[in-house]
C-alpha atoms as a PDB file:
ATOM      1  CA  UNK A   1     154.973-124.586 -58.304  1.00  0.00           C
ATOM      2  CA  UNK A   2     153.101-125.867 -55.105  1.00  0.00           C
ATOM      3  CA  UNK A   3     155.180-126.427 -51.811  1.00  0.00           C
ATOM      4  CA  UNK A   4     153.718-127.482 -48.577  1.00  0.00           C
ATOM      5  CA  UNK A   5     156.142-126.817 -45.464  1.00  0.00           C
ATOM      6  CA  UNK A   6     156.467-127.217 -41.202  1.00  0.00           C
ATOM      7  CA  UNK A   7     156.672-124.358 -39.688  1.00  0.00           C
ATOM      8  CA  UNK A   8     158.135-122.897 -36.240  1.00  0.00           C
ATOM      9  CA  UNK A   9     156.093-119.986 -35.458  1.00  0.00           C
ATOM     10  CA  UNK A  10     155.325-116.571 -33.217  1.00  0.00           C
ATOM     11  CA  UNK A  11     154.102-113.074 -32.618  1.00  0.00           C
ATOM     12  CA  UNK A  12     155.357-109.105 -32.809  1.00  0.00           C
ATOM     13  CA  UNK A  13     155.839-107.114 -30.047  1.00  0.00           C
ATOM     14  CA  UNK A  14     152.378-105.893 -29.569  1.00  0.00           C
ATOM     15  CA  UNK A  15     153.271-102.017 -29.719  1.00  0.00           C
ATOM     16  CA  UNK A  16     150.592 -99.237 -28.745  1.00  0.00           C
ATOM     17  CA  UNK A  17     149.338 -99.030 -32.109  1.00  0.00           C
ATOM     18  CA  UNK A  18     150.001-102.860 -33.426  1.00  0.00           C
ATOM     19  CA  UNK A  19     148.282-106.364 -32.623  1.00  0.00           C
ATOM     20  CA  UNK A  20     151.472-108.733 -31.677  1.00  0.00           C
ATOM     21  CA  UNK A  21     151.055-109.875 -35.793  1.00  0.00           C
ATOM     22  CA  UNK A  22     151.391-113.798 -35.726  1.00  0.00           C
ATOM     23  CA  UNK A  23     154.172-115.384 -37.923  1.00  0.00           C
ATOM     24  CA  UNK A  24     155.629-118.111 -39.789  1.00  0.00           C
ATOM     25  CA  UNK A  25     159.325-119.540 -40.203  1.00  0.00           C
ATOM     26  CA  UNK A  26     159.960-121.563 -42.800  1.00  0.00           C
ATOM     27  CA  UNK A  27     162.487-123.317 -44.740  1.00  0.00           C
ATOM     28  CA  UNK A  28     162.704-122.915 -48.528  1.00  0.00           C
ATOM     29  CA  UNK A  29     164.665-124.013 -50.356  1.00  0.00           C
ATOM     30  CA  UNK A  30     167.945-123.397 -47.948  1.00  0.00           C
ATOM     31  CA  UNK A  31     166.654-120.584 -46.882  1.00  0.00           C
ATOM     32  CA  UNK A  32     164.921-119.476 -43.596  1.00  0.00           C
ATOM     33  CA  UNK A  33     161.795-117.452 -45.016  1.00  0.00           C
ATOM     34  CA  UNK A  34     158.948-115.159 -42.744  1.00  0.00           C
ATOM     35  CA  UNK A  35     155.370-114.971 -43.528  1.00  0.00           C
ATOM     36  CA  UNK A  36     153.267-112.627 -42.354  1.00  0.00           C
ATOM     37  CA  UNK A  37     149.699-112.917 -41.142  1.00  0.00           C
ATOM     38  CA  UNK A  38     146.952-110.872 -40.199  1.00  0.00           C
ATOM     39  CA  UNK A  39     146.469-110.344 -36.291  1.00  0.00           C
ATOM     40  CA  UNK A  40     143.150-112.659 -35.845  1.00  0.00           C
ATOM     41  CA  UNK A  41     145.325-115.230 -37.579  1.00  0.00           C
ATOM     42  CA  UNK A  42     145.860-118.368 -34.977  1.00  0.00           C
ATOM     43  CA  UNK A  43     148.237-119.149 -35.533  1.00  0.00           C
ATOM     44  CA  UNK A  44     149.444-122.304 -32.701  1.00  0.00           C
ATOM     45  CA  UNK A  45     146.268-124.048 -34.568  1.00  0.00           C
ATOM     46  CA  UNK A  46     148.693-124.956 -37.329  1.00  0.00           C
ATOM     47  CA  UNK A  47     152.038-127.495 -38.799  1.00  0.00           C
ATOM     48  CA  UNK A  48     151.732-126.286 -42.084  1.00  0.00           C
ATOM     49  CA  UNK A  49     151.968-123.696 -44.798  1.00  0.00           C
ATOM     50  CA  UNK A  50     151.130-124.405 -48.415  1.00  0.00           C
ATOM     51  CA  UNK A  51     152.838-121.713 -50.582  1.00  0.00           C
ATOM     52  CA  UNK A  52     152.660-121.382 -54.366  1.00  0.00           C
ATOM     53  CA  UNK A  53     155.687-119.912 -55.825  1.00  0.00           C
ATOM     54  CA  UNK A  54     155.997-118.159 -59.870  1.00  0.00           C
ATOM     55  CA  UNK A  55     158.915-117.625 -61.121  1.00  0.00           C
ATOM     56  CA  UNK A  56     160.023-113.320 -61.268  1.00  0.00           C
ATOM     57  CA  UNK A  57     162.169-110.800 -63.348  1.00  0.00           C
ATOM     58  CA  UNK A  58     165.810-112.518 -63.715  1.00  0.00           C
ATOM     59  CA  UNK A  59     164.467-115.951 -62.372  1.00  0.00           C
ATOM     60  CA  UNK A  60     163.589-115.377 -58.876  1.00  0.00           C
ATOM     61  CA  UNK A  61     160.851-117.361 -57.231  1.00  0.00           C
ATOM     62  CA  UNK A  62     158.124-115.454 -56.120  1.00  0.00           C
ATOM     63  CA  UNK A  63     155.980-116.718 -53.517  1.00  0.00           C
ATOM     64  CA  UNK A  64     152.322-115.703 -54.746  1.00  0.00           C
ATOM     65  CA  UNK A  65     150.304-117.101 -52.180  1.00  0.00           C
ATOM     66  CA  UNK A  66     150.042-119.082 -48.386  1.00  0.00           C
ATOM     67  CA  UNK A  67     147.854-120.661 -46.902  1.00  0.00           C
ATOM     68  CA  UNK A  68     148.415-122.105 -43.121  1.00  0.00           C
ATOM     69  CA  UNK A  69     147.043-126.088 -42.891  1.00  0.00           C
ATOM     70  CA  UNK A  70     145.584-127.260 -40.192  1.00  0.00           C
ATOM     71  CA  UNK A  71     147.341-131.144 -39.161  1.00  0.00           C
ATOM     72  CA  UNK A  72     148.562-133.268 -41.276  1.00  0.00           C
ATOM     73  CA  UNK A  73     148.676-132.958 -45.139  1.00  0.00           C
END
């Protein structure tokens, strides 16, 4: 299954050995989820995220892949 969801975003606090990695918050099936991205991702220029889900062991959804989308899709 494929979803195209709006995001709110931010950065984790920078610590001694971390870069302050960006994250995106999404509302997926009435639940708030947080997706983490690599340090060099310029998350501020993205407004949506594309996620692919599959069914897990007990029928729970598993996010298999997530990609940021710039502008309208």
